[in-house]
Amino acid sequence: MRNGNSEKGYQLTGFRPGKPVLLVWGGSQGSEEINHLIARELSHLKSEFQIVHIAGAGKGKPMGDPIGGPVGDPMGGYIQF
């Protein structure tokens, strides 16, 4: 992550410079609670951050993507993988 390329990251996510990016990545024990917390607080979090939420299949906020690629609203500050 320290050697990443911000331009490529912005291309992948559709986010814009100038607002912090929050990466939410859980797994196994406790991740379901993290996913519920993100869903519950999403409106507030989006006012402060652009959010990348990595959740297991069917574990995040339902966004209606059958393929499993990034879904959400990058311009609105949220994507989910």
N, C-alpha and C. Protein backbone atom coordinates (compact mmCIF):
# COMPACT_ATOMS: atom_id res chain seq x y z
N MET A 1 0.82 -1.18 0.00
CA MET A 1 0.00 0.00 0.00
C MET A 1 0.87 1.26 0.00
N ARG A 2 2.01 1.20 0.62
CA ARG A 2 2.88 2.39 0.67
C ARG A 2 3.49 2.69 -0.69
N ASN A 3 3.62 1.69 -1.52
CA ASN A 3 4.20 1.88 -2.85
C ASN A 3 3.14 1.95 -3.93
N GLY A 4 1.90 2.18 -3.56
CA GLY A 4 0.80 2.22 -4.51
C GLY A 4 0.85 3.45 -5.40
N ASN A 5 0.02 3.43 -6.40
CA ASN A 5 -0.07 4.53 -7.35
C ASN A 5 -1.44 5.18 -7.19
N SER A 6 -1.45 6.41 -6.70
CA SER A 6 -2.73 7.06 -6.41
C SER A 6 -3.57 7.26 -7.67
N GLU A 7 -2.94 7.54 -8.80
CA GLU A 7 -3.71 7.72 -10.04
C GLU A 7 -4.45 6.44 -10.41
N LYS A 8 -3.77 5.30 -10.29
CA LYS A 8 -4.43 4.02 -10.58
C LYS A 8 -5.55 3.76 -9.58
N GLY A 9 -5.33 4.10 -8.34
CA GLY A 9 -6.36 3.92 -7.32
C GLY A 9 -7.59 4.76 -7.61
N TYR A 10 -7.38 6.01 -8.03
CA TYR A 10 -8.52 6.86 -8.37
C TYR A 10 -9.25 6.34 -9.61
N GLN A 11 -8.50 5.79 -10.56
CA GLN A 11 -9.14 5.21 -11.75
C GLN A 11 -9.99 4.00 -11.36
N LEU A 12 -9.46 3.15 -10.51
CA LEU A 12 -10.17 1.94 -10.09
C LEU A 12 -11.44 2.28 -9.32
N THR A 13 -11.34 3.24 -8.42
CA THR A 13 -12.46 3.53 -7.53
C THR A 13 -13.41 4.59 -8.05
N GLY A 14 -12.92 5.49 -8.90
CA GLY A 14 -13.74 6.61 -9.34
C GLY A 14 -13.75 7.75 -8.33
N PHE A 15 -12.97 7.62 -7.27
CA PHE A 15 -12.88 8.67 -6.26
C PHE A 15 -12.05 9.84 -6.77
N ARG A 16 -12.08 10.94 -6.01
CA ARG A 16 -11.34 12.15 -6.37
C ARG A 16 -10.40 12.54 -5.24
N PRO A 17 -9.29 13.19 -5.59
CA PRO A 17 -8.38 13.68 -4.55
C PRO A 17 -9.07 14.73 -3.68
N GLY A 18 -8.55 14.94 -2.49
CA GLY A 18 -9.06 15.99 -1.63
C GLY A 18 -9.92 15.54 -0.48
N LYS A 19 -10.34 14.29 -0.47
CA LYS A 19 -11.15 13.76 0.62
C LYS A 19 -10.51 12.44 1.04
N PRO A 20 -10.32 12.21 2.33
CA PRO A 20 -9.66 10.97 2.76
C PRO A 20 -10.43 9.73 2.32
N VAL A 21 -9.65 8.67 2.09
CA VAL A 21 -10.24 7.38 1.73
C VAL A 21 -10.17 6.46 2.94
N LEU A 22 -11.30 5.87 3.29
CA LEU A 22 -11.40 4.93 4.39
C LEU A 22 -11.51 3.53 3.79
N LEU A 23 -10.57 2.65 4.12
CA LEU A 23 -10.62 1.26 3.69
C LEU A 23 -11.18 0.42 4.83
N VAL A 24 -12.27 -0.27 4.56
CA VAL A 24 -12.90 -1.16 5.55
C VAL A 24 -12.76 -2.57 5.02
N TRP A 25 -12.03 -3.39 5.77
CA TRP A 25 -11.72 -4.73 5.29
C TRP A 25 -11.76 -5.66 6.49
N GLY A 26 -12.77 -6.47 6.57
CA GLY A 26 -12.89 -7.40 7.69
C GLY A 26 -12.81 -8.82 7.18
N GLY A 27 -12.77 -9.73 8.10
CA GLY A 27 -12.76 -11.13 7.72
C GLY A 27 -13.03 -12.00 8.92
N SER A 28 -13.77 -13.05 8.70
CA SER A 28 -14.03 -14.05 9.71
C SER A 28 -14.72 -13.48 10.94
N GLN A 29 -14.17 -13.72 12.09
CA GLN A 29 -14.78 -13.35 13.36
C GLN A 29 -14.98 -11.83 13.46
N GLY A 30 -16.19 -11.40 13.67
CA GLY A 30 -16.46 -9.99 13.89
C GLY A 30 -16.73 -9.18 12.64
N SER A 31 -16.46 -9.72 11.48
CA SER A 31 -16.63 -8.91 10.27
C SER A 31 -18.10 -8.61 9.98
N GLU A 32 -18.99 -9.48 10.38
CA GLU A 32 -20.41 -9.21 10.15
C GLU A 32 -20.84 -7.96 10.91
N GLU A 33 -20.35 -7.80 12.12
CA GLU A 33 -20.68 -6.61 12.90
C GLU A 33 -20.09 -5.36 12.24
N ILE A 34 -18.89 -5.47 11.71
CA ILE A 34 -18.27 -4.35 10.99
C ILE A 34 -19.12 -3.98 9.79
N ASN A 35 -19.56 -4.97 9.02
CA ASN A 35 -20.39 -4.71 7.84
C ASN A 35 -21.70 -4.02 8.22
N HIS A 36 -22.32 -4.46 9.30
CA HIS A 36 -23.56 -3.84 9.76
C HIS A 36 -23.31 -2.40 10.22
N LEU A 37 -22.20 -2.18 10.90
CA LEU A 37 -21.85 -0.83 11.35
C LEU A 37 -21.68 0.11 10.16
N ILE A 38 -20.97 -0.34 9.13
CA ILE A 38 -20.77 0.48 7.94
C ILE A 38 -22.12 0.80 7.29
N ALA A 39 -22.98 -0.21 7.14
CA ALA A 39 -24.29 0.03 6.54
C ALA A 39 -25.10 1.03 7.36
N ARG A 40 -25.04 0.90 8.67
CA ARG A 40 -25.82 1.77 9.56
C ARG A 40 -25.30 3.21 9.54
N GLU A 41 -23.99 3.39 9.45
CA GLU A 41 -23.38 4.71 9.55
C GLU A 41 -22.93 5.28 8.20
N LEU A 42 -23.36 4.65 7.12
CA LEU A 42 -22.85 5.02 5.79
C LEU A 42 -23.06 6.49 5.46
N SER A 43 -24.22 7.03 5.70
CA SER A 43 -24.48 8.44 5.37
C SER A 43 -23.52 9.36 6.09
N HIS A 44 -23.32 9.13 7.37
CA HIS A 44 -22.40 9.96 8.15
C HIS A 44 -20.95 9.78 7.66
N LEU A 45 -20.54 8.53 7.44
CA LEU A 45 -19.17 8.26 7.00
C LEU A 45 -18.88 8.89 5.65
N LYS A 46 -19.86 8.84 4.73
CA LYS A 46 -19.64 9.41 3.40
C LYS A 46 -19.47 10.92 3.45
N SER A 47 -19.97 11.58 4.48
CA SER A 47 -19.78 13.02 4.58
C SER A 47 -18.33 13.37 4.92
N GLU A 48 -17.61 12.41 5.49
CA GLU A 48 -16.22 12.65 5.90
C GLU A 48 -15.20 11.93 5.03
N PHE A 49 -15.59 10.80 4.44
CA PHE A 49 -14.64 9.93 3.74
C PHE A 49 -15.20 9.44 2.41
N GLN A 50 -14.29 9.00 1.54
CA GLN A 50 -14.62 8.16 0.41
C GLN A 50 -14.31 6.75 0.90
N ILE A 51 -15.22 5.81 0.71
CA ILE A 51 -15.12 4.52 1.39
C ILE A 51 -14.96 3.37 0.41
N VAL A 52 -13.95 2.56 0.66
CA VAL A 52 -13.78 1.27 -0.02
C VAL A 52 -14.11 0.21 1.01
N HIS A 53 -15.15 -0.57 0.75
CA HIS A 53 -15.62 -1.59 1.69
C HIS A 53 -15.44 -2.95 1.04
N ILE A 54 -14.54 -3.75 1.59
CA ILE A 54 -14.31 -5.10 1.08
C ILE A 54 -15.04 -6.06 2.01
N ALA A 55 -16.04 -6.74 1.46
CA ALA A 55 -16.86 -7.66 2.25
C ALA A 55 -16.99 -8.98 1.50
N GLY A 56 -17.15 -10.05 2.22
CA GLY A 56 -17.36 -11.35 1.59
C GLY A 56 -18.66 -11.37 0.81
N ALA A 57 -18.77 -12.30 -0.11
CA ALA A 57 -19.97 -12.42 -0.94
C ALA A 57 -21.21 -12.47 -0.07
N GLY A 58 -22.12 -11.55 -0.32
CA GLY A 58 -23.38 -11.51 0.41
C GLY A 58 -23.26 -10.98 1.83
N LYS A 59 -22.09 -10.44 2.19
CA LYS A 59 -21.87 -10.02 3.57
C LYS A 59 -21.97 -8.51 3.77
N GLY A 60 -21.89 -7.74 2.71
CA GLY A 60 -21.93 -6.29 2.86
C GLY A 60 -23.31 -5.74 2.62
N LYS A 61 -23.37 -4.44 2.46
CA LYS A 61 -24.63 -3.77 2.15
C LYS A 61 -25.09 -4.25 0.77
N PRO A 62 -26.31 -4.74 0.62
CA PRO A 62 -26.75 -5.21 -0.69
C PRO A 62 -26.77 -4.07 -1.70
N MET A 63 -25.99 -4.24 -2.76
CA MET A 63 -25.91 -3.22 -3.79
C MET A 63 -26.39 -3.75 -5.14
N GLY A 64 -26.76 -5.03 -5.22
CA GLY A 64 -27.36 -5.57 -6.43
C GLY A 64 -26.39 -5.93 -7.53
N ASP A 65 -25.16 -6.25 -7.21
CA ASP A 65 -24.21 -6.63 -8.25
C ASP A 65 -24.03 -8.14 -8.27
N PRO A 66 -24.50 -8.81 -9.34
CA PRO A 66 -24.44 -10.27 -9.38
C PRO A 66 -23.06 -10.81 -9.70
N ILE A 67 -22.15 -10.00 -10.22
CA ILE A 67 -20.85 -10.49 -10.68
C ILE A 67 -19.81 -10.49 -9.57
N GLY A 68 -19.94 -9.61 -8.62
CA GLY A 68 -18.99 -9.56 -7.53
C GLY A 68 -17.89 -8.52 -7.73
N GLY A 69 -18.00 -7.70 -8.76
CA GLY A 69 -17.04 -6.62 -8.97
C GLY A 69 -17.39 -5.45 -8.08
N PRO A 70 -16.66 -4.35 -8.24
CA PRO A 70 -16.98 -3.20 -7.41
C PRO A 70 -18.37 -2.66 -7.74
N VAL A 71 -19.12 -2.36 -6.72
CA VAL A 71 -20.46 -1.80 -6.89
C VAL A 71 -20.61 -0.60 -5.97
N GLY A 72 -21.59 0.20 -6.23
CA GLY A 72 -21.85 1.35 -5.39
C GLY A 72 -21.88 2.62 -6.21
N ASP A 73 -21.58 3.70 -5.56
CA ASP A 73 -21.65 5.02 -6.17
C ASP A 73 -20.35 5.76 -5.89
N PRO A 74 -19.33 5.59 -6.75
CA PRO A 74 -18.05 6.26 -6.50
C PRO A 74 -18.18 7.77 -6.32
N MET A 75 -19.03 8.40 -7.12
CA MET A 75 -19.19 9.85 -6.99
C MET A 75 -19.86 10.19 -5.68
N GLY A 76 -20.62 9.25 -5.12
CA GLY A 76 -21.24 9.45 -3.83
C GLY A 76 -20.34 9.05 -2.67
N GLY A 77 -19.15 8.53 -2.99
CA GLY A 77 -18.17 8.24 -1.98
C GLY A 77 -18.19 6.83 -1.40
N TYR A 78 -18.80 5.87 -2.11
CA TYR A 78 -18.85 4.50 -1.57
C TYR A 78 -18.75 3.49 -2.68
N ILE A 79 -17.83 2.53 -2.52
CA ILE A 79 -17.82 1.36 -3.38
C ILE A 79 -17.61 0.14 -2.51
N GLN A 80 -18.10 -0.98 -2.99
CA GLN A 80 -17.98 -2.24 -2.26
C GLN A 80 -17.45 -3.29 -3.21
N PHE A 81 -16.52 -4.09 -2.71
CA PHE A 81 -15.99 -5.22 -3.47
C PHE A 81 -16.45 -6.49 -2.80
